[in-house]
Amino acid sequence: MATVELTTANFDEVTERDGIVLLDFWADWCGPCKRFAPVYERSSDKHPDIVFGKVDTEAQQELGAKFNISSIPTVMAIRDGVIVYAQPGALPESALENLIEQVQQLDMDDVRKKLAEHGHKH
């Protein structure tokens, strides 16, 4: 599955569904973003069950602001509508695969319980 370009129009629809959504916040002028793009694409081919989204922070400034993206590339992982990972920096392929594995193994009932305990809304 290829990556999906996310905009303010389709963002909620894509990220609020069940399952795993990975996001790559990037921009055309960003060298590390361009080097990370093929790594991200290869991972998307390996995991057809995961949605790999890309957010162009220049074209979609509202989305960048909504998530306080101050450094790109930033990789974000969302599972069942809950942000479970968000870190700036291009990941090597092995680290991206490791992140995917960790997100797949999360106990989402436990994650939601912990969020509720800390007063975070879903």
PDB file of N, CA and C in Angstrom:
ATOM      1  N   MET A   1       0.850  -1.189   0.000  1.00  0.00           N
ATOM      2  CA  MET A   1       0.000   0.000   0.000  1.00  0.00           C
ATOM      3  C   MET A   1       0.886   1.239   0.000  1.00  0.00           C
ATOM      4  N   ALA A   2       0.602   2.153  -0.858  1.00  0.00           N
ATOM      5  CA  ALA A   2       1.384   3.383  -0.909  1.00  0.00           C
ATOM      6  C   ALA A   2       0.942   4.317   0.216  1.00  0.00           C
ATOM      7  N   THR A   3       1.705   5.383   0.381  1.00  0.00           N
ATOM      8  CA  THR A   3       1.349   6.342   1.414  1.00  0.00           C
ATOM      9  C   THR A   3       0.159   7.186   0.978  1.00  0.00           C
ATOM     10  N   VAL A   4      -0.537   7.735   1.973  1.00  0.00           N
ATOM     11  CA  VAL A   4      -1.734   8.542   1.731  1.00  0.00           C
ATOM     12  C   VAL A   4      -1.423   9.979   2.127  1.00  0.00           C
ATOM     13  N   GLU A   5      -1.699  10.909   1.224  1.00  0.00           N
ATOM     14  CA  GLU A   5      -1.497  12.328   1.533  1.00  0.00           C
ATOM     15  C   GLU A   5      -2.656  12.793   2.407  1.00  0.00           C
ATOM     16  N   LEU A   6      -2.332  13.289   3.598  1.00  0.00           N
ATOM     17  CA  LEU A   6      -3.382  13.743   4.508  1.00  0.00           C
ATOM     18  C   LEU A   6      -3.505  15.260   4.484  1.00  0.00           C
ATOM     19  N   THR A   7      -4.748  15.708   4.495  1.00  0.00           N
ATOM     20  CA  THR A   7      -5.052  17.131   4.508  1.00  0.00           C
ATOM     21  C   THR A   7      -6.068  17.381   5.620  1.00  0.00           C
ATOM     22  N   THR A   8      -6.389  18.637   5.856  1.00  0.00           N
ATOM     23  CA  THR A   8      -7.406  18.931   6.870  1.00  0.00           C
ATOM     24  C   THR A   8      -8.732  18.283   6.482  1.00  0.00           C
ATOM     25  N   ALA A   9      -8.959  18.070   5.186  1.00  0.00           N
ATOM     26  CA  ALA A   9     -10.226  17.491   4.719  1.00  0.00           C
ATOM     27  C   ALA A   9     -10.383  16.019   5.090  1.00  0.00           C
ATOM     28  N   ASN A  10      -9.304  15.225   5.018  1.00  0.00           N
ATOM     29  CA  ASN A  10      -9.437  13.786   5.261  1.00  0.00           C
ATOM     30  C   ASN A  10      -8.745  13.317   6.541  1.00  0.00           C
ATOM     31  N   PHE A  11      -8.106  14.221   7.270  1.00  0.00           N
ATOM     32  CA  PHE A  11      -7.283  13.828   8.426  1.00  0.00           C
ATOM     33  C   PHE A  11      -8.071  13.065   9.486  1.00  0.00           C
ATOM     34  N   ASP A  12      -9.169  13.639   9.965  1.00  0.00           N
ATOM     35  CA  ASP A  12      -9.938  12.991  11.032  1.00  0.00           C
ATOM     36  C   ASP A  12     -10.493  11.645  10.588  1.00  0.00           C
ATOM     37  N   GLU A  13     -10.987  11.612   9.362  1.00  0.00           N
ATOM     38  CA  GLU A  13     -11.569  10.378   8.826  1.00  0.00           C
ATOM     39  C   GLU A  13     -10.532   9.245   8.823  1.00  0.00           C
ATOM     40  N   VAL A  14      -9.299   9.565   8.454  1.00  0.00           N
ATOM     41  CA  VAL A  14      -8.247   8.553   8.376  1.00  0.00           C
ATOM     42  C   VAL A  14      -7.714   8.188   9.760  1.00  0.00           C
ATOM     43  N   THR A  15      -7.503   9.189  10.628  1.00  0.00           N
ATOM     44  CA  THR A  15      -6.816   8.922  11.896  1.00  0.00           C
ATOM     45  C   THR A  15      -7.732   8.435  13.008  1.00  0.00           C
ATOM     46  N   GLU A  16      -9.034   8.577  12.859  1.00  0.00           N
ATOM     47  CA  GLU A  16      -9.933   8.160  13.934  1.00  0.00           C
ATOM     48  C   GLU A  16     -10.469   6.745  13.764  1.00  0.00           C
ATOM     49  N   ARG A  17     -10.093   6.088  12.681  1.00  0.00           N
ATOM     50  CA  ARG A  17     -10.572   4.713  12.473  1.00  0.00           C
ATOM     51  C   ARG A  17      -9.781   3.747  13.352  1.00  0.00           C
ATOM     52  N   ASP A  18     -10.329   2.543  13.508  1.00  0.00           N
ATOM     53  CA  ASP A  18      -9.623   1.512  14.267  1.00  0.00           C
ATOM     54  C   ASP A  18      -8.399   1.056  13.481  1.00  0.00           C
ATOM     55  N   GLY A  19      -7.426   0.563  14.208  1.00  0.00           N
ATOM     56  CA  GLY A  19      -6.215   0.092  13.557  1.00  0.00           C
ATOM     57  C   GLY A  19      -5.087   1.090  13.753  1.00  0.00           C
ATOM     58  N   ILE A  20      -4.001   0.876  13.001  1.00  0.00           N
ATOM     59  CA  ILE A  20      -2.795   1.682  13.164  1.00  0.00           C
ATOM     60  C   ILE A  20      -2.649   2.638  11.985  1.00  0.00           C
ATOM     61  N   VAL A  21      -2.356   3.889  12.329  1.00  0.00           N
ATOM     62  CA  VAL A  21      -2.060   4.909  11.324  1.00  0.00           C
ATOM     63  C   VAL A  21      -0.714   5.518  11.705  1.00  0.00           C
ATOM     64  N   LEU A  22       0.232   5.485  10.779  1.00  0.00           N
ATOM     65  CA  LEU A  22       1.503   6.172  10.992  1.00  0.00           C
ATOM     66  C   LEU A  22       1.467   7.463  10.192  1.00  0.00           C
ATOM     67  N   LEU A  23       2.040   8.509  10.749  1.00  0.00           N
ATOM     68  CA  LEU A  23       2.082   9.795  10.066  1.00  0.00           C
ATOM     69  C   LEU A  23       3.521  10.262   9.953  1.00  0.00           C
ATOM     70  N   ASP A  24       3.837  10.810   8.798  1.00  0.00           N
ATOM     71  CA  ASP A  24       5.135  11.432   8.551  1.00  0.00           C
ATOM     72  C   ASP A  24       4.850  12.897   8.258  1.00  0.00           C
ATOM     73  N   PHE A  25       5.204  13.780   9.206  1.00  0.00           N
ATOM     74  CA  PHE A  25       5.093  15.223   8.978  1.00  0.00           C
ATOM     75  C   PHE A  25       6.381  15.660   8.297  1.00  0.00           C
ATOM     76  N   TRP A  26       6.270  16.270   7.121  1.00  0.00           N
ATOM     77  CA  TRP A  26       7.441  16.563   6.303  1.00  0.00           C
ATOM     78  C   TRP A  26       7.231  17.874   5.540  1.00  0.00           C
ATOM     79  N   ALA A  27       8.269  18.312   4.843  1.00  0.00           N
ATOM     80  CA  ALA A  27       8.161  19.456   3.927  1.00  0.00           C
ATOM     81  C   ALA A  27       9.172  19.266   2.801  1.00  0.00           C
ATOM     82  N   ASP A  28       8.881  19.877   1.681  1.00  0.00           N
ATOM     83  CA  ASP A  28       9.695  19.716   0.478  1.00  0.00           C
ATOM     84  C   ASP A  28      11.119  20.245   0.658  1.00  0.00           C
ATOM     85  N   TRP A  29      11.300  21.282   1.475  1.00  0.00           N
ATOM     86  CA  TRP A  29      12.612  21.901   1.654  1.00  0.00           C
ATOM     87  C   TRP A  29      13.485  21.167   2.666  1.00  0.00           C
ATOM     88  N   CYS A  30      12.946  20.127   3.308  1.00  0.00           N
ATOM     89  CA  CYS A  30      13.619  19.456   4.416  1.00  0.00           C
ATOM     90  C   CYS A  30      14.438  18.264   3.919  1.00  0.00           C
ATOM     91  N   GLY A  31      15.779  18.387   3.972  1.00  0.00           N
ATOM     92  CA  GLY A  31      16.669  17.317   3.511  1.00  0.00           C
ATOM     93  C   GLY A  31      16.445  15.986   4.217  1.00  0.00           C
ATOM     94  N   PRO A  32      16.431  15.976   5.573  1.00  0.00           N
ATOM     95  CA  PRO A  32      16.201  14.714   6.284  1.00  0.00           C
ATOM     96  C   PRO A  32      14.851  14.080   5.923  1.00  0.00           C
ATOM     97  N   CYS A  33      13.843  14.919   5.640  1.00  0.00           N
ATOM     98  CA  CYS A  33      12.526  14.395   5.242  1.00  0.00           C
ATOM     99  C   CYS A  33      12.643  13.636   3.925  1.00  0.00           C
ATOM    100  N   LYS A  34      13.387  14.207   2.998  1.00  0.00           N
ATOM    101  CA  LYS A  34      13.535  13.566   1.682  1.00  0.00           C
ATOM    102  C   LYS A  34      14.302  12.254   1.791  1.00  0.00           C
ATOM    103  N   ARG A  35      15.264  12.202   2.721  1.00  0.00           N
ATOM    104  CA  ARG A  35      16.025  10.955   2.903  1.00  0.00           C
ATOM    105  C   ARG A  35      15.166   9.896   3.604  1.00  0.00           C
ATOM    106  N   PHE A  36      14.258  10.334   4.459  1.00  0.00           N
ATOM    107  CA  PHE A  36      13.399   9.408   5.194  1.00  0.00           C
ATOM    108  C   PHE A  36      12.274   8.848   4.309  1.00  0.00           C
ATOM    109  N   ALA A  37      11.847   9.608   3.312  1.00  0.00           N
ATOM    110  CA  ALA A  37      10.691   9.227   2.482  1.00  0.00           C
ATOM    111  C   ALA A  37      10.785   7.810   1.905  1.00  0.00           C
ATOM    112  N   PRO A  38      11.923   7.395   1.289  1.00  0.00           N
ATOM    113  CA  PRO A  38      11.977   6.030   0.740  1.00  0.00           C
ATOM    114  C   PRO A  38      11.904   4.950   1.817  1.00  0.00           C
ATOM    115  N   VAL A  39      12.450   5.226   3.003  1.00  0.00           N
ATOM    116  CA  VAL A  39      12.381   4.278   4.130  1.00  0.00           C
ATOM    117  C   VAL A  39      10.911   4.079   4.505  1.00  0.00           C
ATOM    118  N   TYR A  40      10.195   5.197   4.597  1.00  0.00           N
ATOM    119  CA  TYR A  40       8.772   5.190   4.963  1.00  0.00           C
ATOM    120  C   TYR A  40       7.955   4.444   3.907  1.00  0.00           C
ATOM    121  N   GLU A  41       8.255   4.695   2.632  1.00  0.00           N
ATOM    122  CA  GLU A  41       7.566   4.013   1.522  1.00  0.00           C
ATOM    123  C   GLU A  41       7.788   2.507   1.581  1.00  0.00           C
ATOM    124  N   ARG A  42       9.044   2.092   1.823  1.00  0.00           N
ATOM    125  CA  ARG A  42       9.336   0.652   1.887  1.00  0.00           C
ATOM    126  C   ARG A  42       8.558   0.000   3.020  1.00  0.00           C
ATOM    127  N   SER A  43       8.483   0.676   4.145  1.00  0.00           N
ATOM    128  CA  SER A  43       7.724   0.139   5.279  1.00  0.00           C
ATOM    129  C   SER A  43       6.246   0.024   4.927  1.00  0.00           C
ATOM    130  N   SER A  44       5.734   0.990   4.194  1.00  0.00           N
ATOM    131  CA  SER A  44       4.314   0.949   3.822  1.00  0.00           C
ATOM    132  C   SER A  44       4.024  -0.267   2.939  1.00  0.00           C
ATOM    133  N   ASP A  45       4.995  -0.664   2.120  1.00  0.00           N
ATOM    134  CA  ASP A  45       4.820  -1.855   1.279  1.00  0.00           C
ATOM    135  C   ASP A  45       4.813  -3.129   2.114  1.00  0.00           C
ATOM    136  N   LYS A  46       5.566  -3.130   3.226  1.00  0.00           N
ATOM    137  CA  LYS A  46       5.670  -4.320   4.078  1.00  0.00           C
ATOM    138  C   LYS A  46       4.451  -4.508   4.981  1.00  0.00           C
ATOM    139  N   HIS A  47       3.700  -3.433   5.213  1.00  0.00           N
ATOM    140  CA  HIS A  47       2.600  -3.480   6.185  1.00  0.00           C
ATOM    141  C   HIS A  47       1.295  -2.976   5.560  1.00  0.00           C
ATOM    142  N   PRO A  48       0.671  -3.805   4.713  1.00  0.00           N
ATOM    143  CA  PRO A  48      -0.557  -3.357   4.036  1.00  0.00           C
ATOM    144  C   PRO A  48      -1.726  -3.121   4.996  1.00  0.00           C
ATOM    145  N   ASP A  49      -1.620  -3.643   6.224  1.00  0.00           N
ATOM    146  CA  ASP A  49      -2.701  -3.481   7.197  1.00  0.00           C
ATOM    147  C   ASP A  49      -2.614  -2.144   7.939  1.00  0.00           C
ATOM    148  N   ILE A  50      -1.541  -1.396   7.709  1.00  0.00           N
ATOM    149  CA  ILE A  50      -1.335  -0.114   8.390  1.00  0.00           C
ATOM    150  C   ILE A  50      -1.478   1.012   7.382  1.00  0.00           C
ATOM    151  N   VAL A  51      -2.118   2.104   7.802  1.00  0.00           N
ATOM    152  CA  VAL A  51      -2.216   3.282   6.941  1.00  0.00           C
ATOM    153  C   VAL A  51      -0.970   4.135   7.186  1.00  0.00           C
ATOM    154  N   PHE A  52      -0.247   4.430   6.134  1.00  0.00           N
ATOM    155  CA  PHE A  52       0.922   5.304   6.208  1.00  0.00           C
ATOM    156  C   PHE A  52       0.529   6.646   5.602  1.00  0.00           C
ATOM    157  N   GLY A  53       0.375   7.642   6.459  1.00  0.00           N
ATOM    158  CA  GLY A  53      -0.024   8.963   5.996  1.00  0.00           C
ATOM    159  C   GLY A  53       1.150   9.914   5.960  1.00  0.00           C
ATOM    160  N   LYS A  54       1.071  10.869   5.040  1.00  0.00           N
ATOM    161  CA  LYS A  54       2.086  11.916   4.965  1.00  0.00           C
ATOM    162  C   LYS A  54       1.377  13.259   5.076  1.00  0.00           C
ATOM    163  N   VAL A  55       1.938  14.148   5.907  1.00  0.00           N
ATOM    164  CA  VAL A  55       1.377  15.477   6.082  1.00  0.00           C
ATOM    165  C   VAL A  55       2.433  16.492   5.658  1.00  0.00           C
ATOM    166  N   ASP A  56       2.162  17.193   4.570  1.00  0.00           N
ATOM    167  CA  ASP A  56       3.050  18.253   4.093  1.00  0.00           C
ATOM    168  C   ASP A  56       2.808  19.478   4.972  1.00  0.00           C
ATOM    169  N   THR A  57       3.762  19.770   5.861  1.00  0.00           N
ATOM    170  CA  THR A  57       3.555  20.845   6.837  1.00  0.00           C
ATOM    171  C   THR A  57       3.488  22.230   6.192  1.00  0.00           C
ATOM    172  N   GLU A  58       3.983  22.361   4.968  1.00  0.00           N
ATOM    173  CA  GLU A  58       3.859  23.643   4.265  1.00  0.00           C
ATOM    174  C   GLU A  58       2.435  23.823   3.747  1.00  0.00           C
ATOM    175  N   ALA A  59       1.902  22.780   3.128  1.00  0.00           N
ATOM    176  CA  ALA A  59       0.553  22.849   2.549  1.00  0.00           C
ATOM    177  C   ALA A  59      -0.527  22.729   3.621  1.00  0.00           C
ATOM    178  N   GLN A  60      -0.213  22.039   4.720  1.00  0.00           N
ATOM    179  CA  GLN A  60      -1.199  21.758   5.776  1.00  0.00           C
ATOM    180  C   GLN A  60      -0.736  22.362   7.103  1.00  0.00           C
ATOM    181  N   GLN A  61      -0.537  23.666   7.108  1.00  0.00           N
ATOM    182  CA  GLN A  61       0.010  24.323   8.303  1.00  0.00           C
ATOM    183  C   GLN A  61      -0.898  24.167   9.519  1.00  0.00           C
ATOM    184  N   GLU A  62      -2.213  24.083   9.286  1.00  0.00           N
ATOM    185  CA  GLU A  62      -3.154  23.894  10.405  1.00  0.00           C
ATOM    186  C   GLU A  62      -2.864  22.590  11.151  1.00  0.00           C
ATOM    187  N   LEU A  63      -2.592  21.524  10.401  1.00  0.00           N
ATOM    188  CA  LEU A  63      -2.321  20.227  11.030  1.00  0.00           C
ATOM    189  C   LEU A  63      -1.007  20.258  11.793  1.00  0.00           C
ATOM    190  N   GLY A  64      -0.003  20.898  11.224  1.00  0.00           N
ATOM    191  CA  GLY A  64       1.272  21.033  11.926  1.00  0.00           C
ATOM    192  C   GLY A  64       1.091  21.789  13.230  1.00  0.00           C
ATOM    193  N   ALA A  65       0.295  22.844  13.193  1.00  0.00           N
ATOM    194  CA  ALA A  65       0.048  23.659  14.391  1.00  0.00           C
ATOM    195  C   ALA A  65      -0.773  22.881  15.419  1.00  0.00           C
ATOM    196  N   LYS A  66      -1.762  22.139  14.944  1.00  0.00           N
ATOM    197  CA  LYS A  66      -2.635  21.368  15.846  1.00  0.00           C
ATOM    198  C   LYS A  66      -1.828  20.409  16.724  1.00  0.00           C
ATOM    199  N   PHE A  67      -0.780  19.838  16.155  1.00  0.00           N
ATOM    200  CA  PHE A  67       0.028  18.857  16.884  1.00  0.00           C
ATOM    201  C   PHE A  67       1.359  19.435  17.367  1.00  0.00           C
ATOM    202  N   ASN A  68       1.482  20.773  17.304  1.00  0.00           N
ATOM    203  CA  ASN A  68       2.711  21.444  17.763  1.00  0.00           C
ATOM    204  C   ASN A  68       3.967  20.858  17.124  1.00  0.00           C
ATOM    205  N   ILE A  69       3.894  20.611  15.820  1.00  0.00           N
ATOM    206  CA  ILE A  69       5.053  20.075  15.111  1.00  0.00           C
ATOM    207  C   ILE A  69       6.045  21.218  14.915  1.00  0.00           C
ATOM    208  N   SER A  70       7.186  21.111  15.599  1.00  0.00           N
ATOM    209  CA  SER A  70       8.169  22.189  15.510  1.00  0.00           C
ATOM    210  C   SER A  70       9.434  21.741  14.787  1.00  0.00           C
ATOM    211  N   SER A  71       9.573  20.456  14.610  1.00  0.00           N
ATOM    212  CA  SER A  71      10.756  19.912  13.955  1.00  0.00           C
ATOM    213  C   SER A  71      10.307  18.792  13.024  1.00  0.00           C
ATOM    214  N   ILE A  72      10.852  18.789  11.815  1.00  0.00           N
ATOM    215  CA  ILE A  72      10.474  17.730  10.874  1.00  0.00           C
ATOM    216  C   ILE A  72      11.732  17.050  10.364  1.00  0.00           C
ATOM    217  N   PRO A  73      11.645  15.792   9.956  1.00  0.00           N
ATOM    218  CA  PRO A  73      10.416  15.013   9.989  1.00  0.00           C
ATOM    219  C   PRO A  73      10.006  14.647  11.417  1.00  0.00           C
ATOM    220  N   THR A  74       8.707  14.552  11.634  1.00  0.00           N
ATOM    221  CA  THR A  74       8.181  14.006  12.878  1.00  0.00           C
ATOM    222  C   THR A  74       7.354  12.791  12.509  1.00  0.00           C
ATOM    223  N   VAL A  75       7.588  11.686  13.202  1.00  0.00           N
ATOM    224  CA  VAL A  75       6.807  10.462  12.998  1.00  0.00           C
ATOM    225  C   VAL A  75       5.820  10.352  14.154  1.00  0.00           C
ATOM    226  N   MET A  76       4.565  10.115  13.802  1.00  0.00           N
ATOM    227  CA  MET A  76       3.516   9.944  14.803  1.00  0.00           C
ATOM    228  C   MET A  76       2.826   8.615  14.534  1.00  0.00           C
ATOM    229  N   ALA A  77       2.499   7.905  15.609  1.00  0.00           N
ATOM    230  CA  ALA A  77       1.753   6.650  15.477  1.00  0.00           C
ATOM    231  C   ALA A  77       0.437   6.799  16.227  1.00  0.00           C
ATOM    232  N   ILE A  78      -0.646   6.434  15.560  1.00  0.00           N
ATOM    233  CA  ILE A  78      -1.979   6.495  16.151  1.00  0.00           C
ATOM    234  C   ILE A  78      -2.565   5.098  16.068  1.00  0.00           C
ATOM    235  N   ARG A  79      -3.105   4.629  17.187  1.00  0.00           N
ATOM    236  CA  ARG A  79      -3.761   3.321  17.156  1.00  0.00           C
ATOM    237  C   ARG A  79      -5.151   3.472  17.744  1.00  0.00           C
ATOM    238  N   ASP A  80      -6.142   3.034  17.002  1.00  0.00           N
ATOM    239  CA  ASP A  80      -7.547   3.117  17.421  1.00  0.00           C
ATOM    240  C   ASP A  80      -7.907   4.544  17.844  1.00  0.00           C
ATOM    241  N   GLY A  81      -7.374   5.529  17.100  1.00  0.00           N
ATOM    242  CA  GLY A  81      -7.713   6.926  17.355  1.00  0.00           C
ATOM    243  C   GLY A  81      -6.920   7.586  18.466  1.00  0.00           C
ATOM    244  N   VAL A  82      -5.964   6.875  19.076  1.00  0.00           N
ATOM    245  CA  VAL A  82      -5.173   7.415  20.186  1.00  0.00           C
ATOM    246  C   VAL A  82      -3.719   7.591  19.726  1.00  0.00           C
ATOM    247  N   ILE A  83      -3.150   8.785  19.945  1.00  0.00           N
ATOM    248  CA  ILE A  83      -1.742   9.006  19.610  1.00  0.00           C
ATOM    249  C   ILE A  83      -0.902   8.254  20.636  1.00  0.00           C
ATOM    250  N   VAL A  84      -0.107   7.300  20.159  1.00  0.00           N
ATOM    251  CA  VAL A  84       0.694   6.485  21.064  1.00  0.00           C
ATOM    252  C   VAL A  84       2.194   6.760  20.923  1.00  0.00           C
ATOM    253  N   TYR A  85       2.573   7.561  19.916  1.00  0.00           N
ATOM    254  CA  TYR A  85       3.984   7.890  19.710  1.00  0.00           C
ATOM    255  C   TYR A  85       4.053   9.140  18.857  1.00  0.00           C
ATOM    256  N   ALA A  86       4.941  10.047  19.207  1.00  0.00           N
ATOM    257  CA  ALA A  86       5.213  11.220  18.376  1.00  0.00           C
ATOM    258  C   ALA A  86       6.601  11.732  18.726  1.00  0.00           C
ATOM    259  N   GLN A  87       7.525  11.611  17.781  1.00  0.00           N
ATOM    260  CA  GLN A  87       8.898  12.066  18.003  1.00  0.00           C
ATOM    261  C   GLN A  87       9.449  12.672  16.716  1.00  0.00           C
ATOM    262  N   PRO A  88      10.167  13.801  16.841  1.00  0.00           N
ATOM    263  CA  PRO A  88      10.842  14.332  15.658  1.00  0.00           C
ATOM    264  C   PRO A  88      12.083  13.508  15.338  1.00  0.00           C
ATOM    265  N   GLY A  89      12.471  13.555  14.090  1.00  0.00           N
ATOM    266  CA  GLY A  89      13.692  12.884  13.644  1.00  0.00           C
ATOM    267  C   GLY A  89      13.394  11.749  12.694  1.00  0.00           C
ATOM    268  N   ALA A  90      14.222  11.645  11.661  1.00  0.00           N
ATOM    269  CA  ALA A  90      14.089  10.546  10.703  1.00  0.00           C
ATOM    270  C   ALA A  90      14.558   9.265  11.375  1.00  0.00           C
ATOM    271  N   LEU A  91      13.790   8.210  11.225  1.00  0.00           N
ATOM    272  CA  LEU A  91      14.157   6.929  11.824  1.00  0.00           C
ATOM    273  C   LEU A  91      14.843   6.045  10.789  1.00  0.00           C
ATOM    274  N   PRO A  92      15.889   5.319  11.195  1.00  0.00           N
ATOM    275  CA  PRO A  92      16.413   4.295  10.296  1.00  0.00           C
ATOM    276  C   PRO A  92      15.354   3.198  10.141  1.00  0.00           C
ATOM    277  N   GLU A  93      15.456   2.452   9.073  1.00  0.00           N
ATOM    278  CA  GLU A  93      14.430   1.444   8.778  1.00  0.00           C
ATOM    279  C   GLU A  93      14.206   0.474   9.936  1.00  0.00           C
ATOM    280  N   SER A  94      15.288   0.040  10.583  1.00  0.00           N
ATOM    281  CA  SER A  94      15.152  -0.915  11.691  1.00  0.00           C
ATOM    282  C   SER A  94      14.359  -0.291  12.851  1.00  0.00           C
ATOM    283  N   ALA A  95      14.592   0.983  13.123  1.00  0.00           N
ATOM    284  CA  ALA A  95      13.879   1.653  14.216  1.00  0.00           C
ATOM    285  C   ALA A  95      12.405   1.846  13.864  1.00  0.00           C
ATOM    286  N   LEU A  96      12.114   2.141  12.606  1.00  0.00           N
ATOM    287  CA  LEU A  96      10.729   2.288  12.167  1.00  0.00           C
ATOM    288  C   LEU A  96       9.994   0.953  12.299  1.00  0.00           C
ATOM    289  N   GLU A  97      10.651  -0.121  11.887  1.00  0.00           N
ATOM    290  CA  GLU A  97      10.051  -1.459  12.004  1.00  0.00           C
ATOM    291  C   GLU A  97       9.826  -1.827  13.477  1.00  0.00           C
ATOM    292  N   ASN A  98      10.779  -1.452  14.332  1.00  0.00           N
ATOM    293  CA  ASN A  98      10.668  -1.709  15.757  1.00  0.00           C
ATOM    294  C   ASN A  98       9.491  -0.933  16.349  1.00  0.00           C
ATOM    295  N   LEU A  99       9.336   0.316  15.937  1.00  0.00           N
ATOM    296  CA  LEU A  99       8.214   1.134  16.395  1.00  0.00           C
ATOM    297  C   LEU A  99       6.888   0.479  15.994  1.00  0.00           C
ATOM    298  N   ILE A 100       6.793   0.037  14.749  1.00  0.00           N
ATOM    299  CA  ILE A 100       5.566  -0.601  14.256  1.00  0.00           C
ATOM    300  C   ILE A 100       5.240  -1.826  15.109  1.00  0.00           C
ATOM    301  N   GLU A 101       6.268  -2.629  15.380  1.00  0.00           N
ATOM    302  CA  GLU A 101       6.078  -3.830  16.192  1.00  0.00           C
ATOM    303  C   GLU A 101       5.551  -3.467  17.585  1.00  0.00           C
ATOM    304  N   GLN A 102       6.138  -2.439  18.194  1.00  0.00           N
ATOM    305  CA  GLN A 102       5.708  -2.028  19.533  1.00  0.00           C
ATOM    306  C   GLN A 102       4.265  -1.536  19.531  1.00  0.00           C
ATOM    307  N   VAL A 103       3.897  -0.766  18.506  1.00  0.00           N
ATOM    308  CA  VAL A 103       2.521  -0.246  18.426  1.00  0.00           C
ATOM    309  C   VAL A 103       1.541  -1.405  18.230  1.00  0.00           C
ATOM    310  N   GLN A 104       1.936  -2.397  17.422  1.00  0.00           N
ATOM    311  CA  GLN A 104       1.074  -3.566  17.199  1.00  0.00           C
ATOM    312  C   GLN A 104       0.847  -4.345  18.485  1.00  0.00           C
ATOM    313  N   GLN A 105       1.823  -4.337  19.390  1.00  0.00           N
ATOM    314  CA  GLN A 105       1.732  -5.144  20.611  1.00  0.00           C
ATOM    315  C   GLN A 105       1.072  -4.413  21.773  1.00  0.00           C
ATOM    316  N   LEU A 106       0.745  -3.146  21.599  1.00  0.00           N
ATOM    317  CA  LEU A 106       0.129  -2.392  22.697  1.00  0.00           C
ATOM    318  C   LEU A 106      -1.204  -2.991  23.114  1.00  0.00           C
ATOM    319  N   ASP A 107      -1.452  -2.965  24.395  1.00  0.00           N
ATOM    320  CA  ASP A 107      -2.760  -3.328  24.934  1.00  0.00           C
ATOM    321  C   ASP A 107      -3.560  -2.032  25.010  1.00  0.00           C
ATOM    322  N   MET A 108      -4.433  -1.808  24.045  1.00  0.00           N
ATOM    323  CA  MET A 108      -5.118  -0.521  23.934  1.00  0.00           C
ATOM    324  C   MET A 108      -6.087  -0.275  25.085  1.00  0.00           C
ATOM    325  N   ASP A 109      -6.631  -1.328  25.687  1.00  0.00           N
ATOM    326  CA  ASP A 109      -7.483  -1.134  26.866  1.00  0.00           C
ATOM    327  C   ASP A 109      -6.651  -0.529  27.993  1.00  0.00           C
ATOM    328  N   ASP A 110      -5.424  -1.030  28.134  1.00  0.00           N
ATOM    329  CA  ASP A 110      -4.515  -0.517  29.152  1.00  0.00           C
ATOM    330  C   ASP A 110      -4.118   0.935  28.851  1.00  0.00           C
ATOM    331  N   VAL A 111      -3.835   1.228  27.591  1.00  0.00           N
ATOM    332  CA  VAL A 111      -3.467   2.594  27.182  1.00  0.00           C
ATOM    333  C   VAL A 111      -4.605   3.557  27.500  1.00  0.00           C
ATOM    334  N   ARG A 112      -5.828   3.187  27.138  1.00  0.00           N
ATOM    335  CA  ARG A 112      -6.986   4.063  27.395  1.00  0.00           C
ATOM    336  C   ARG A 112      -7.204   4.262  28.898  1.00  0.00           C
ATOM    337  N   LYS A 113      -6.984   3.195  29.673  1.00  0.00           N
ATOM    338  CA  LYS A 113      -7.148   3.271  31.124  1.00  0.00           C
ATOM    339  C   LYS A 113      -6.143   4.272  31.710  1.00  0.00           C
ATOM    340  N   LYS A 114      -4.896   4.180  31.255  1.00  0.00           N
ATOM    341  CA  LYS A 114      -3.856   5.096  31.745  1.00  0.00           C
ATOM    342  C   LYS A 114      -4.163   6.536  31.342  1.00  0.00           C
ATOM    343  N   LEU A 115      -4.645   6.724  30.125  1.00  0.00           N
ATOM    344  CA  LEU A 115      -5.006   8.080  29.681  1.00  0.00           C
ATOM    345  C   LEU A 115      -6.117   8.633  30.555  1.00  0.00           C
ATOM    346  N   ALA A 116      -7.118   7.801  30.851  1.00  0.00           N
ATOM    347  CA  ALA A 116      -8.234   8.231  31.685  1.00  0.00           C
ATOM    348  C   ALA A 116      -7.755   8.608  33.089  1.00  0.00           C
ATOM    349  N   GLU A 117      -6.813   7.819  33.613  1.00  0.00           N
ATOM    350  CA  GLU A 117      -6.264   8.105  34.941  1.00  0.00           C
ATOM    351  C   GLU A 117      -5.555   9.450  34.992  1.00  0.00           C
ATOM    352  N   HIS A 118      -4.978   9.836  33.871  1.00  0.00           N
ATOM    353  CA  HIS A 118      -4.246  11.104  33.817  1.00  0.00           C
ATOM    354  C   HIS A 118      -5.128  12.247  33.307  1.00  0.00           C
ATOM    355  N   GLY A 119      -6.392  11.972  33.152  1.00  0.00           N
ATOM    356  CA  GLY A 119      -7.335  13.021  32.769  1.00  0.00           C
ATOM    357  C   GLY A 119      -7.306  13.431  31.314  1.00  0.00           C
ATOM    358  N   HIS A 120      -6.684  12.599  30.457  1.00  0.00           N
ATOM    359  CA  HIS A 120      -6.676  12.911  29.029  1.00  0.00           C
ATOM    360  C   HIS A 120      -7.958  12.431  28.392  1.00  0.00           C
ATOM    361  N   LYS A 121      -8.451  13.219  27.470  1.00  0.00           N
ATOM    362  CA  LYS A 121      -9.642  12.779  26.730  1.00  0.00           C
ATOM    363  C   LYS A 121      -9.196  11.940  25.559  1.00  0.00           C
ATOM    364  N   HIS A 122     -10.041  11.021  25.145  1.00  0.00           N
ATOM    365  CA  HIS A 122      -9.783  10.134  24.001  1.00  0.00           C
ATOM    366  C   HIS A 122      -9.777  10.962  22.741  1.00  0.00           C
TER     367      HIS A 122
END
